[in-house]
Amino acid sequence: MSGVHKGSRLLKTLGQGRFRPAPAPLCARSFSSPPEAKPTQNDDLSDLESTTTFTPAAPDQESIDAFNQTESLGAKGRRLPGSRYQYHPPKYYRGPLHPVQTPPASDPTARDFVPGPFSFPRLKHTYDSTIAPDLLTMTYQHTPPGTAPVVSQKGTLRQWDGSSPYHKNRPARGPRGGGSSRLGILERNINWNNIPEIEAVTINSYAPNAAQNKEYLHVARAVVQAISGAYPQVTTVKHHVIHWGVRKGDKAGSKVTLRGGAAYEFVDKLVTLVLPKIKDWPGIKASTGDDSGNLAFGMKPEWMAYFPEIEFNYDAYSMLIISAQMYPPKLVPGCDIFIHTTGTSDRQGRLLMEALGFPFYGKATR
């Protein structure tokens, strides 16, 4: 009977709505959140803008359409006619007024397109970051405002005296004296826009016995190509020399000219790997130069084996026979290295070469 009374009381309580579920624990309520709950925003940050005042406004659709139309019209105007130049650009440049213009050298379809550069030389990076600023700082010459410029006497041309009517509007006369009237380059001060740098490197190998024995020519070309990484051209004799047994037109050796990154790579290899191995090398003679910032020095035949491209063939005993066939010690010639710089005097050329790591000996005459 007691069980029946308890059941009737529970039904009455549920019917009157007096039953309340037990509240959830505090920790459960703090860590649980319904999926539809949204984070509350702080009233202090609600007034802030989502973008700054420096953010440009998004372009409207009309501006985008006008820009795309202009680009398409410009591309059609630069496009070559399809009838004749469908696959190849013009072979010759016929002037700026010709209706058909050649594409720029940076265009892959251009005939003079050269891919690259694919690497940045280490010595070029050192020149741009360290050597060039140092040269500009060391050679700075302060000129107060209002100072009259000093006119150099070197290369001063003579003016005509006007004694003849043919002297009018004629160019200035050359210097006095016999011989060539060619003037040397006037030395300019080193400024931010004319800091000396390497322009090109020419490697010339002379083999006097190449006319009688072609093996000397083959070895000379192989050596120059190995140390430079470029295909050399064969040089010929320009004049007869009876005492030396040389005739005009005979093959005399090979040469190659390196520019850009290849020139810096070759100079870096010389300074870092080749020249330090020569124990009796005194350096470059200080009197060398052509008054235009270009310097030259020679390498003896026994020094050519210090280049890593040739030295590698003599390292292993198993490669001794192959290396003797490619670079016979008695047939390997020496070479002359000409370093062309953008300096306007030998003094500026020596200053650049000393900064790159080349030592000089002797007294400089100019």
Protein backbone atom coordinates (compact mmCIF):
# COMPACT_ATOMS: atom_id res chain seq x y z
CA MET A 1 0.00 0.00 0.00
CA SER A 2 2.88 2.35 0.78
CA GLY A 3 4.23 1.88 -2.74
CA VAL A 4 0.88 2.84 -4.29
CA HIS A 5 0.71 6.04 -2.19
CA LYS A 6 4.25 7.08 -3.25
CA GLY A 7 3.41 6.54 -6.93
CA SER A 8 0.25 8.67 -6.68
CA ARG A 9 2.20 11.51 -5.01
CA LEU A 10 4.79 11.49 -7.83
CA LEU A 11 2.07 11.70 -10.48
CA LYS A 12 0.46 14.67 -8.69
CA THR A 13 3.77 16.48 -8.48
CA LEU A 14 4.49 16.03 -12.20
CA GLY A 15 1.01 17.14 -13.08
CA GLN A 16 1.29 20.37 -11.06
CA GLY A 17 4.75 21.23 -12.55
CA ARG A 18 6.55 21.26 -9.23
CA PHE A 19 9.40 18.97 -10.36
CA ARG A 20 12.63 20.84 -11.25
CA PRO A 21 15.67 19.05 -12.82
CA ALA A 22 18.91 19.17 -10.88
CA PRO A 23 21.26 21.95 -12.09
CA ALA A 24 24.44 20.96 -13.96
CA PRO A 25 27.74 21.20 -12.09
CA LEU A 26 29.65 24.48 -12.35
CA CYS A 27 32.65 22.95 -14.15
CA ALA A 28 30.45 21.37 -16.80
CA ARG A 29 28.66 24.66 -17.48
CA SER A 30 31.92 26.58 -17.75
CA PHE A 31 33.55 24.24 -20.29
CA SER A 32 30.54 23.41 -22.42
CA SER A 33 29.02 25.74 -24.96
CA PRO A 34 26.17 25.14 -27.35
CA PRO A 35 27.02 25.15 -31.08
CA GLU A 36 24.76 28.11 -31.75
CA ALA A 37 26.46 30.30 -29.15
CA LYS A 38 28.32 33.33 -30.54
CA PRO A 39 31.25 35.11 -28.90
CA THR A 40 30.31 38.41 -27.39
CA GLN A 41 32.02 41.51 -28.77
CA ASN A 42 33.62 44.08 -26.58
CA ASP A 43 31.80 47.38 -26.78
CA ASP A 44 35.10 49.30 -26.61
CA LEU A 45 36.40 47.74 -29.86
CA SER A 46 33.18 47.91 -31.83
CA ASP A 47 33.93 51.47 -33.04
CA LEU A 48 37.26 50.49 -34.67
CA GLU A 49 37.40 50.23 -38.46
CA SER A 50 38.31 46.95 -40.11
CA THR A 51 40.74 48.70 -42.50
CA THR A 52 43.21 51.54 -42.10
CA THR A 53 43.14 54.86 -43.90
CA PHE A 54 46.16 53.77 -45.98
CA THR A 55 44.27 50.85 -47.48
CA PRO A 56 43.22 51.76 -51.04
CA ALA A 57 39.68 51.24 -52.05
CA ALA A 58 38.87 48.24 -54.21
CA PRO A 59 38.54 49.14 -57.92
CA ASP A 60 35.12 49.03 -59.41
CA GLN A 61 34.18 46.73 -62.26
CA GLU A 62 34.31 49.52 -64.85
CA SER A 63 37.95 50.28 -64.08
CA ILE A 64 38.85 46.60 -64.29
CA ASP A 65 37.16 46.24 -67.69
CA ALA A 66 38.86 49.37 -69.04
CA PHE A 67 42.28 48.13 -67.88
CA ASN A 68 41.80 44.72 -69.47
CA GLN A 69 40.68 46.33 -72.73
CA THR A 70 43.75 48.60 -72.79
CA GLU A 71 46.07 45.65 -72.17
CA SER A 72 44.49 43.64 -74.96
CA LEU A 73 44.77 46.55 -77.41
CA GLY A 74 48.41 47.16 -76.48
CA ALA A 75 49.27 43.50 -76.94
CA LYS A 76 47.67 43.50 -80.39
CA GLY A 77 49.63 46.62 -81.33
CA ARG A 78 52.96 45.02 -80.33
CA ARG A 79 52.19 41.74 -82.05
CA LEU A 80 54.03 41.01 -85.29
CA PRO A 81 52.04 40.44 -88.48
CA GLY A 82 51.08 36.80 -88.81
CA SER A 83 51.46 36.59 -92.55
CA ARG A 84 55.25 36.90 -92.69
CA TYR A 85 56.46 36.90 -89.08
CA GLN A 86 54.24 34.20 -87.68
CA TYR A 87 57.02 32.07 -86.27
CA HIS A 88 60.19 34.19 -86.56
CA PRO A 89 60.77 37.89 -85.77
CA PRO A 90 62.42 40.21 -88.35
CA LYS A 91 66.01 39.33 -89.08
CA TYR A 92 67.21 42.91 -89.57
CA TYR A 93 66.46 46.12 -87.71
CA ARG A 94 65.29 48.71 -90.25
CA GLY A 95 65.09 51.73 -87.98
CA PRO A 96 62.64 53.15 -85.46
CA LEU A 97 60.21 54.37 -88.17
CA HIS A 98 59.69 51.01 -89.80
CA PRO A 99 56.19 49.60 -89.23
CA VAL A 100 57.60 46.22 -88.16
CA GLN A 101 59.85 46.43 -85.10
CA THR A 102 62.01 43.67 -83.67
CA PRO A 103 61.08 42.49 -80.17
CA PRO A 104 63.36 43.47 -77.27
CA ALA A 105 66.27 41.24 -76.32
CA SER A 106 64.43 40.18 -73.13
CA ASP A 107 61.67 38.57 -75.21
CA PRO A 108 62.27 34.81 -75.63
CA THR A 109 61.16 35.05 -79.27
CA ALA A 110 63.89 37.59 -80.12
CA ARG A 111 66.82 36.47 -82.23
CA ASP A 112 69.36 38.00 -79.81
CA PHE A 113 67.71 36.52 -76.72
CA VAL A 114 70.20 35.08 -74.22
CA PRO A 115 68.74 33.11 -71.30
CA GLY A 116 69.99 33.73 -67.81
CA PRO A 117 71.66 34.68 -65.64
CA PHE A 118 71.24 31.48 -63.68
CA SER A 119 73.72 32.29 -60.88
CA PHE A 120 75.20 35.35 -59.20
CA PRO A 121 79.03 35.34 -58.98
CA ARG A 122 80.48 35.51 -55.49
CA LEU A 123 83.06 38.12 -56.47
CA LYS A 124 80.38 40.29 -58.08
CA HIS A 125 78.36 40.17 -54.87
CA THR A 126 81.46 41.19 -52.89
CA TYR A 127 82.11 44.02 -55.33
CA ASP A 128 78.57 45.40 -55.07
CA SER A 129 78.37 45.14 -51.29
CA THR A 130 81.92 46.02 -50.17
CA ILE A 131 84.45 46.97 -52.85
CA ALA A 132 82.42 49.59 -54.73
CA PRO A 133 81.42 51.57 -51.59
CA ASP A 134 85.02 51.42 -50.32
CA LEU A 135 86.43 52.72 -53.60
CA LEU A 136 83.92 55.56 -53.60
CA THR A 137 84.79 56.46 -50.00
CA MET A 138 88.57 56.30 -50.41
CA THR A 139 88.66 58.38 -53.59
CA TYR A 140 86.18 61.05 -52.47
CA GLN A 141 87.39 64.60 -53.13
CA HIS A 142 85.38 67.38 -51.58
CA THR A 143 84.86 70.44 -53.76
CA PRO A 144 83.38 73.48 -51.98
CA PRO A 145 80.47 75.16 -53.76
CA GLY A 146 81.58 77.90 -56.11
CA THR A 147 85.01 76.43 -56.86
CA ALA A 148 86.02 76.71 -60.51
CA PRO A 149 86.59 73.32 -62.16
CA VAL A 150 90.19 72.42 -62.96
CA VAL A 151 90.73 71.76 -66.66
CA SER A 152 93.19 68.94 -67.34
CA GLN A 153 95.97 69.66 -69.82
CA LYS A 154 96.07 66.06 -71.01
CA GLY A 155 94.49 65.71 -74.43
CA THR A 156 93.94 69.42 -74.97
CA LEU A 157 93.36 70.03 -78.67
CA ARG A 158 94.66 73.06 -80.53
CA GLN A 159 92.29 75.53 -82.09
CA TRP A 160 92.64 76.88 -85.60
CA ASP A 161 93.98 80.43 -85.91
CA GLY A 162 91.35 81.56 -88.45
CA SER A 163 93.87 82.62 -91.09
CA SER A 164 91.95 80.72 -93.76
CA PRO A 165 88.22 80.66 -94.48
CA TYR A 166 88.42 76.87 -94.39
CA HIS A 167 89.16 77.00 -90.66
CA LYS A 168 85.58 77.95 -89.86
CA ASN A 169 83.48 75.19 -88.24
CA ARG A 170 86.40 72.75 -88.45
CA PRO A 171 87.09 70.43 -85.49
CA ALA A 172 90.01 71.19 -83.22
CA ARG A 173 93.51 70.14 -84.28
CA GLY A 174 95.41 67.20 -82.87
CA PRO A 175 98.47 67.45 -80.63
CA ARG A 176 101.87 68.44 -81.96
CA GLY A 177 104.43 65.83 -82.91
CA GLY A 178 104.65 62.96 -85.32
CA GLY A 179 102.99 59.62 -85.15
CA SER A 180 99.39 58.97 -84.39
CA SER A 181 97.19 61.84 -83.33
CA ARG A 182 94.98 59.60 -81.20
CA LEU A 183 94.41 61.02 -77.73
CA GLY A 184 94.25 58.95 -74.61
CA ILE A 185 91.16 58.76 -72.43
CA LEU A 186 90.86 61.67 -70.03
CA GLU A 187 90.88 60.54 -66.43
CA ARG A 188 87.61 61.24 -64.67
CA ASN A 189 87.13 61.36 -60.93
CA ILE A 190 85.43 58.36 -59.37
CA ASN A 191 81.81 59.23 -58.67
CA TRP A 192 78.73 57.23 -57.80
CA ASN A 193 78.00 56.64 -61.50
CA ASN A 194 81.48 55.69 -62.78
CA ILE A 195 83.03 53.39 -60.17
CA PRO A 196 85.63 51.15 -61.90
CA GLU A 197 84.57 47.56 -62.43
CA ILE A 198 85.54 44.58 -64.58
CA GLU A 199 84.18 44.84 -68.09
CA ALA A 200 85.77 41.82 -69.80
CA VAL A 201 88.64 39.32 -69.52
CA THR A 202 90.58 38.16 -72.58
CA ILE A 203 92.70 34.99 -72.47
CA ASN A 204 95.22 34.62 -75.30
CA SER A 205 97.45 31.58 -75.73
CA TYR A 206 100.26 31.82 -78.28
CA ALA A 207 101.70 28.59 -79.68
CA PRO A 208 104.54 29.46 -82.11
CA ASN A 209 104.94 25.85 -83.28
CA ALA A 210 101.26 25.47 -84.19
CA ALA A 211 101.97 26.15 -87.89
CA GLN A 212 104.35 23.16 -88.17
CA ASN A 213 102.62 20.81 -85.71
CA LYS A 214 98.85 20.88 -85.29
CA GLU A 215 99.10 19.14 -81.89
CA TYR A 216 100.34 22.38 -80.34
CA LEU A 217 97.20 24.12 -81.61
CA HIS A 218 94.91 21.37 -80.32
CA VAL A 219 96.45 21.48 -76.85
CA ALA A 220 96.31 25.29 -76.76
CA ARG A 221 92.63 25.30 -77.63
CA ALA A 222 91.89 22.56 -75.10
CA VAL A 223 93.68 24.44 -72.32
CA VAL A 224 91.97 27.76 -73.04
CA GLN A 225 88.57 26.12 -73.29
CA ALA A 226 89.10 24.21 -70.04
CA ILE A 227 90.15 27.19 -67.92
CA SER A 228 87.59 29.63 -69.39
CA GLY A 229 84.55 27.43 -69.97
CA ALA A 230 83.97 29.04 -73.40
CA TYR A 231 84.76 27.90 -76.92
CA PRO A 232 87.91 29.75 -78.11
CA GLN A 233 88.67 31.02 -81.57
CA VAL A 234 91.86 30.34 -83.50
CA THR A 235 94.21 33.29 -83.99
CA THR A 236 96.32 33.81 -87.11
CA VAL A 237 99.52 35.71 -87.87
CA LYS A 238 98.99 39.12 -89.47
CA HIS A 239 102.51 39.85 -90.78
CA HIS A 240 105.54 37.97 -92.06
CA VAL A 241 108.43 37.54 -89.61
CA ILE A 242 111.30 35.91 -91.52
CA HIS A 243 113.66 35.64 -88.55
CA TRP A 244 111.09 33.66 -86.57
CA GLY A 245 109.96 31.56 -89.51
CA VAL A 246 106.40 32.91 -89.24
CA ARG A 247 104.26 33.54 -92.30
CA LYS A 248 101.17 35.61 -92.72
CA GLY A 249 97.99 33.58 -92.21
CA ASP A 250 99.58 30.82 -90.10
CA LYS A 251 97.61 29.59 -87.10
CA ALA A 252 99.26 30.97 -83.99
CA GLY A 253 97.07 29.94 -81.04
CA SER A 254 93.65 30.63 -79.56
CA LYS A 255 91.89 33.29 -77.55
CA VAL A 256 88.57 33.87 -75.84
CA THR A 257 86.87 36.89 -74.28
CA LEU A 258 84.69 36.54 -71.18
CA ARG A 259 82.11 39.10 -70.13
CA GLY A 260 79.63 39.54 -67.34
CA GLY A 261 79.42 36.80 -64.74
CA ALA A 262 81.91 34.54 -66.55
CA ALA A 263 84.59 37.26 -66.26
CA TYR A 264 84.02 37.63 -62.51
CA GLU A 265 84.08 33.85 -62.04
CA PHE A 266 87.42 33.59 -63.84
CA VAL A 267 88.98 36.44 -61.84
CA ASP A 268 87.70 34.89 -58.61
CA LYS A 269 89.27 31.57 -59.59
CA LEU A 270 92.57 33.29 -60.33
CA VAL A 271 92.74 35.16 -57.03
CA THR A 272 91.47 32.34 -54.84
CA LEU A 273 92.88 29.12 -56.32
CA VAL A 274 95.55 29.66 -58.97
CA LEU A 275 97.81 32.56 -58.01
CA PRO A 276 98.29 31.61 -54.31
CA LYS A 277 99.79 28.28 -55.44
CA ILE A 278 102.58 29.96 -57.42
CA LYS A 279 105.40 30.37 -54.90
CA ASP A 280 107.72 32.43 -57.10
CA TRP A 281 105.03 34.71 -58.54
CA PRO A 282 105.98 38.31 -57.70
CA GLY A 283 102.69 39.86 -58.73
CA ILE A 284 101.62 42.19 -61.50
CA LYS A 285 104.11 44.78 -62.64
CA ALA A 286 102.94 48.22 -61.56
CA SER A 287 103.98 49.83 -64.83
CA THR A 288 101.60 47.72 -66.90
CA GLY A 289 98.58 49.27 -68.56
CA ASP A 290 97.45 51.05 -71.72
CA ASP A 291 96.53 54.45 -70.18
CA SER A 292 92.86 53.42 -70.31
CA GLY A 293 92.49 51.29 -67.19
CA ASN A 294 93.22 47.92 -68.83
CA LEU A 295 95.91 45.72 -67.26
CA ALA A 296 97.63 42.53 -68.41
CA PHE A 297 99.94 39.84 -67.05
CA GLY A 298 101.26 36.49 -68.22
CA MET A 299 101.13 32.89 -67.03
CA LYS A 300 104.06 30.53 -67.67
CA PRO A 301 103.41 27.05 -69.09
CA GLU A 302 104.31 25.37 -65.79
CA TRP A 303 101.79 27.55 -63.97
CA MET A 304 98.88 26.40 -66.12
CA ALA A 305 98.67 23.12 -64.20
CA TYR A 306 97.46 25.04 -61.12
CA PHE A 307 94.07 25.66 -62.69
CA PRO A 308 91.59 23.23 -61.09
CA GLU A 309 90.25 22.10 -64.49
CA ILE A 310 93.74 20.92 -65.50
CA GLU A 311 95.07 19.98 -62.07
CA PHE A 312 92.23 17.52 -61.58
CA ASN A 313 93.48 15.37 -64.46
CA TYR A 314 96.88 14.93 -62.79
CA ASP A 315 95.60 14.05 -59.31
CA ALA A 316 94.71 10.39 -59.69
CA TYR A 317 97.32 7.91 -60.88
CA SER A 318 94.70 6.11 -62.97
CA MET A 319 94.06 9.32 -64.93
CA LEU A 320 97.72 9.96 -65.61
CA ILE A 321 97.67 8.36 -69.04
CA ILE A 322 94.49 10.17 -70.09
CA SER A 323 95.75 13.51 -68.83
CA ALA A 324 99.06 13.02 -70.61
CA GLN A 325 97.11 12.57 -73.83
CA MET A 326 94.89 15.65 -73.28
CA TYR A 327 97.44 18.03 -71.72
CA PRO A 328 100.98 16.84 -72.47
CA PRO A 329 103.36 18.81 -70.22
CA LYS A 330 105.69 19.62 -73.11
CA LEU A 331 102.88 20.91 -75.32
CA VAL A 332 100.91 22.98 -72.80
CA PRO A 333 101.51 26.67 -73.64
CA GLY A 334 101.33 29.70 -71.39
CA CYS A 335 98.78 32.44 -71.74
CA ASP A 336 98.36 36.19 -71.49
CA ILE A 337 95.43 37.51 -69.46
CA PHE A 338 94.04 40.96 -70.25
CA ILE A 339 91.62 42.45 -67.73
CA HIS A 340 89.48 45.22 -69.21
CA THR A 341 88.05 47.65 -66.66
CA THR A 342 85.80 50.68 -66.92
CA GLY A 343 88.45 52.86 -65.27
CA THR A 344 89.72 55.87 -67.20
CA SER A 345 93.39 55.54 -66.16
CA ASP A 346 95.90 52.92 -65.09
CA ARG A 347 95.77 54.29 -61.56
CA GLN A 348 92.07 53.49 -61.30
CA GLY A 349 92.64 50.07 -62.85
CA ARG A 350 95.35 49.24 -60.30
CA LEU A 351 93.13 50.48 -57.49
CA LEU A 352 90.36 48.11 -58.58
CA MET A 353 92.70 45.15 -59.02
CA GLU A 354 94.29 45.71 -55.61
CA ALA A 355 90.82 45.73 -54.05
CA LEU A 356 90.05 42.42 -55.78
CA GLY A 357 93.21 40.83 -54.35
CA PHE A 358 95.93 41.21 -57.01
CA PRO A 359 99.36 42.28 -55.68
CA PHE A 360 101.59 44.73 -57.55
CA TYR A 361 105.33 45.21 -57.49
CA GLY A 362 107.68 47.88 -58.79
CA LYS A 363 107.15 51.58 -59.32
CA ALA A 364 104.14 52.89 -61.19
CA THR A 365 105.06 55.28 -63.97
CA ARG A 366 101.53 56.64 -64.42
